[in-house]
Amino acid sequence: MSMEIQQKEVHSYGIKFYVMDEQKEVARAYLYLLTNDLHTEPFGFMEDVFVDESFRGKGYGTFLVENIIEEAKAKGCYKLICTSRYGKDKVHDLYEKLGFKKQGLEFRIDF
């Protein structure tokens, strides 16, 4: 059997959400809007959610994620996904509180 792989460029874009305290970025997260052939609407991918250690527990993460959820809805996304490492139980609890459900596993190759 002979198999030929073809390629077609698919465009996406991202939006950075961040919070400044004086001149320092203390919290950030990214929303990437991607498309595939399964849906006409895009899907959102939330990545790199970070809150500076001295600002944690003050609602910054919740505020960022809530804004990303609202933006994904406003952009017409049919779903919003994110990944998180093992051992981040407080983050996982926050995501579940905001409506995310655990589904599947993340697989990764670092280059």
C-alpha atoms as a PDB file:
ATOM      1  CA  MET A   1       0.000   0.000   0.000  1.00  0.00           C
ATOM      2  CA  SER A   2       1.315   3.439  -0.932  1.00  0.00           C
ATOM      3  CA  MET A   3       0.288   6.454   1.072  1.00  0.00           C
ATOM      4  CA  GLU A   4       0.845  10.105   0.219  1.00  0.00           C
ATOM      5  CA  ILE A   5       0.347  12.769   2.876  1.00  0.00           C
ATOM      6  CA  GLN A   6      -0.913  16.117   1.635  1.00  0.00           C
ATOM      7  CA  GLN A   7      -0.826  19.424   3.484  1.00  0.00           C
ATOM      8  CA  LYS A   8      -2.989  22.529   3.592  1.00  0.00           C
ATOM      9  CA  GLU A   9      -2.263  25.604   5.686  1.00  0.00           C
ATOM     10  CA  VAL A  10      -4.846  26.334   8.367  1.00  0.00           C
ATOM     11  CA  HIS A  11      -4.704  29.722  10.032  1.00  0.00           C
ATOM     12  CA  SER A  12      -5.252  30.481  13.686  1.00  0.00           C
ATOM     13  CA  TYR A  13      -4.539  33.370  16.013  1.00  0.00           C
ATOM     14  CA  GLY A  14      -4.051  34.096  19.667  1.00  0.00           C
ATOM     15  CA  ILE A  15      -5.011  36.719  22.218  1.00  0.00           C
ATOM     16  CA  LYS A  16      -2.931  37.451  25.306  1.00  0.00           C
ATOM     17  CA  PHE A  17      -4.806  38.401  28.474  1.00  0.00           C
ATOM     18  CA  TYR A  18      -2.726  39.926  31.254  1.00  0.00           C
ATOM     19  CA  VAL A  19      -2.849  41.944  34.465  1.00  0.00           C
ATOM     20  CA  MET A  20      -0.283  44.593  35.366  1.00  0.00           C
ATOM     21  CA  ASP A  21       0.613  45.768  38.865  1.00  0.00           C
ATOM     22  CA  GLU A  22       2.458  49.034  38.498  1.00  0.00           C
ATOM     23  CA  GLN A  23       4.939  48.243  35.692  1.00  0.00           C
ATOM     24  CA  LYS A  24       5.072  44.470  36.248  1.00  0.00           C
ATOM     25  CA  GLU A  25       2.996  41.772  34.560  1.00  0.00           C
ATOM     26  CA  VAL A  26       1.644  39.677  37.442  1.00  0.00           C
ATOM     27  CA  ALA A  27      -0.792  37.384  35.653  1.00  0.00           C
ATOM     28  CA  ARG A  28      -1.302  36.144  32.089  1.00  0.00           C
ATOM     29  CA  ALA A  29      -3.064  33.612  29.931  1.00  0.00           C
ATOM     30  CA  TYR A  30      -3.456  33.021  26.216  1.00  0.00           C
ATOM     31  CA  LEU A  31      -6.494  32.119  24.153  1.00  0.00           C
ATOM     32  CA  TYR A  32      -5.771  30.542  20.781  1.00  0.00           C
ATOM     33  CA  LEU A  33      -8.583  30.244  18.252  1.00  0.00           C
ATOM     34  CA  LEU A  34      -8.205  27.224  15.976  1.00  0.00           C
ATOM     35  CA  THR A  35     -10.285  25.510  13.325  1.00  0.00           C
ATOM     36  CA  ASN A  36     -10.687  21.996  11.998  1.00  0.00           C
ATOM     37  CA  ASP A  37     -12.841  20.215   9.433  1.00  0.00           C
ATOM     38  CA  LEU A  38     -15.256  18.825  12.036  1.00  0.00           C
ATOM     39  CA  HIS A  39     -16.986  22.160  12.759  1.00  0.00           C
ATOM     40  CA  THR A  40     -17.567  25.441  11.003  1.00  0.00           C
ATOM     41  CA  GLU A  41     -17.006  27.265  14.303  1.00  0.00           C
ATOM     42  CA  PRO A  42     -13.540  27.629  15.856  1.00  0.00           C
ATOM     43  CA  PHE A  43     -12.480  26.055  19.115  1.00  0.00           C
ATOM     44  CA  GLY A  44     -10.496  27.768  21.847  1.00  0.00           C
ATOM     45  CA  PHE A  45      -7.302  26.556  23.453  1.00  0.00           C
ATOM     46  CA  MET A  46      -6.319  28.203  26.735  1.00  0.00           C
ATOM     47  CA  GLU A  47      -2.581  28.087  27.393  1.00  0.00           C
ATOM     48  CA  ASP A  48       0.078  29.397  29.777  1.00  0.00           C
ATOM     49  CA  VAL A  49      -2.200  30.493  32.606  1.00  0.00           C
ATOM     50  CA  PHE A  50       0.184  32.033  35.133  1.00  0.00           C
ATOM     51  CA  VAL A  51      -0.138  34.136  38.280  1.00  0.00           C
ATOM     52  CA  ASP A  52       2.941  35.483  40.052  1.00  0.00           C
ATOM     53  CA  GLU A  53       3.423  33.632  43.333  1.00  0.00           C
ATOM     54  CA  SER A  54       2.941  36.773  45.471  1.00  0.00           C
ATOM     55  CA  PHE A  55      -0.453  37.424  43.804  1.00  0.00           C
ATOM     56  CA  ARG A  56      -1.908  33.921  44.038  1.00  0.00           C
ATOM     57  CA  GLY A  57      -5.090  33.351  46.016  1.00  0.00           C
ATOM     58  CA  LYS A  58      -6.366  36.860  45.274  1.00  0.00           C
ATOM     59  CA  GLY A  59      -8.651  36.055  42.332  1.00  0.00           C
ATOM     60  CA  TYR A  60      -6.306  36.911  39.461  1.00  0.00           C
ATOM     61  CA  GLY A  61      -6.425  33.413  37.954  1.00  0.00           C
ATOM     62  CA  THR A  62     -10.201  33.245  38.237  1.00  0.00           C
ATOM     63  CA  PHE A  63     -10.520  36.686  36.624  1.00  0.00           C
ATOM     64  CA  LEU A  64      -8.271  35.683  33.705  1.00  0.00           C
ATOM     65  CA  VAL A  65      -9.985  32.361  33.051  1.00  0.00           C
ATOM     66  CA  GLU A  66     -13.472  33.888  33.293  1.00  0.00           C
ATOM     67  CA  ASN A  67     -12.441  36.510  30.721  1.00  0.00           C
ATOM     68  CA  ILE A  68     -11.057  33.842  28.402  1.00  0.00           C
ATOM     69  CA  ILE A  69     -14.273  31.812  28.702  1.00  0.00           C
ATOM     70  CA  GLU A  70     -16.332  34.888  27.819  1.00  0.00           C
ATOM     71  CA  GLU A  71     -14.079  35.782  24.878  1.00  0.00           C
ATOM     72  CA  ALA A  72     -14.209  32.212  23.528  1.00  0.00           C
ATOM     73  CA  LYS A  73     -18.006  32.367  23.680  1.00  0.00           C
ATOM     74  CA  ALA A  74     -18.021  35.804  22.005  1.00  0.00           C
ATOM     75  CA  LYS A  75     -15.800  34.463  19.211  1.00  0.00           C
ATOM     76  CA  GLY A  76     -18.302  31.649  18.584  1.00  0.00           C
ATOM     77  CA  CYS A  77     -16.136  28.771  19.823  1.00  0.00           C
ATOM     78  CA  TYR A  78     -17.911  25.440  20.113  1.00  0.00           C
ATOM     79  CA  LYS A  79     -15.553  24.358  22.915  1.00  0.00           C
ATOM     80  CA  LEU A  80     -12.682  25.613  25.041  1.00  0.00           C
ATOM     81  CA  ILE A  81      -9.915  23.253  26.061  1.00  0.00           C
ATOM     82  CA  CYS A  82      -6.857  23.572  28.262  1.00  0.00           C
ATOM     83  CA  THR A  83      -4.141  21.368  29.655  1.00  0.00           C
ATOM     84  CA  SER A  84      -2.543  21.257  33.076  1.00  0.00           C
ATOM     85  CA  ARG A  85       0.256  19.311  34.687  1.00  0.00           C
ATOM     86  CA  TYR A  86      -0.225  16.718  37.381  1.00  0.00           C
ATOM     87  CA  GLY A  87       0.121  18.037  40.922  1.00  0.00           C
ATOM     88  CA  LYS A  88      -1.636  21.364  40.274  1.00  0.00           C
ATOM     89  CA  ASP A  89      -4.674  20.463  42.385  1.00  0.00           C
ATOM     90  CA  LYS A  90      -5.663  24.059  43.211  1.00  0.00           C
ATOM     91  CA  VAL A  91      -5.596  24.964  39.525  1.00  0.00           C
ATOM     92  CA  HIS A  92      -7.617  21.860  38.643  1.00  0.00           C
ATOM     93  CA  ASP A  93     -10.176  22.741  41.325  1.00  0.00           C
ATOM     94  CA  LEU A  94     -10.479  26.254  39.865  1.00  0.00           C
ATOM     95  CA  TYR A  95     -10.985  24.924  36.342  1.00  0.00           C
ATOM     96  CA  GLU A  96     -13.688  22.521  37.515  1.00  0.00           C
ATOM     97  CA  LYS A  97     -15.374  25.291  39.538  1.00  0.00           C
ATOM     98  CA  LEU A  98     -15.500  27.386  36.352  1.00  0.00           C
ATOM     99  CA  GLY A  99     -17.126  24.586  34.335  1.00  0.00           C
ATOM    100  CA  PHE A 100     -14.261  22.595  32.805  1.00  0.00           C
ATOM    101  CA  LYS A 101     -14.487  18.802  32.956  1.00  0.00           C
ATOM    102  CA  LYS A 102     -11.598  16.361  32.989  1.00  0.00           C
ATOM    103  CA  GLN A 103     -11.432  14.595  29.651  1.00  0.00           C
ATOM    104  CA  GLY A 104      -8.604  12.536  28.224  1.00  0.00           C
ATOM    105  CA  LEU A 105      -4.877  12.818  28.647  1.00  0.00           C
ATOM    106  CA  GLU A 106      -2.255  15.188  27.338  1.00  0.00           C
ATOM    107  CA  PHE A 107       0.680  13.737  25.411  1.00  0.00           C
ATOM    108  CA  ARG A 108       3.752  15.841  24.722  1.00  0.00           C
ATOM    109  CA  ILE A 109       7.099  15.797  22.944  1.00  0.00           C
ATOM    110  CA  ASP A 110       9.631  18.474  23.873  1.00  0.00           C
ATOM    111  CA  PHE A 111      12.033  19.564  21.136  1.00  0.00           C
END
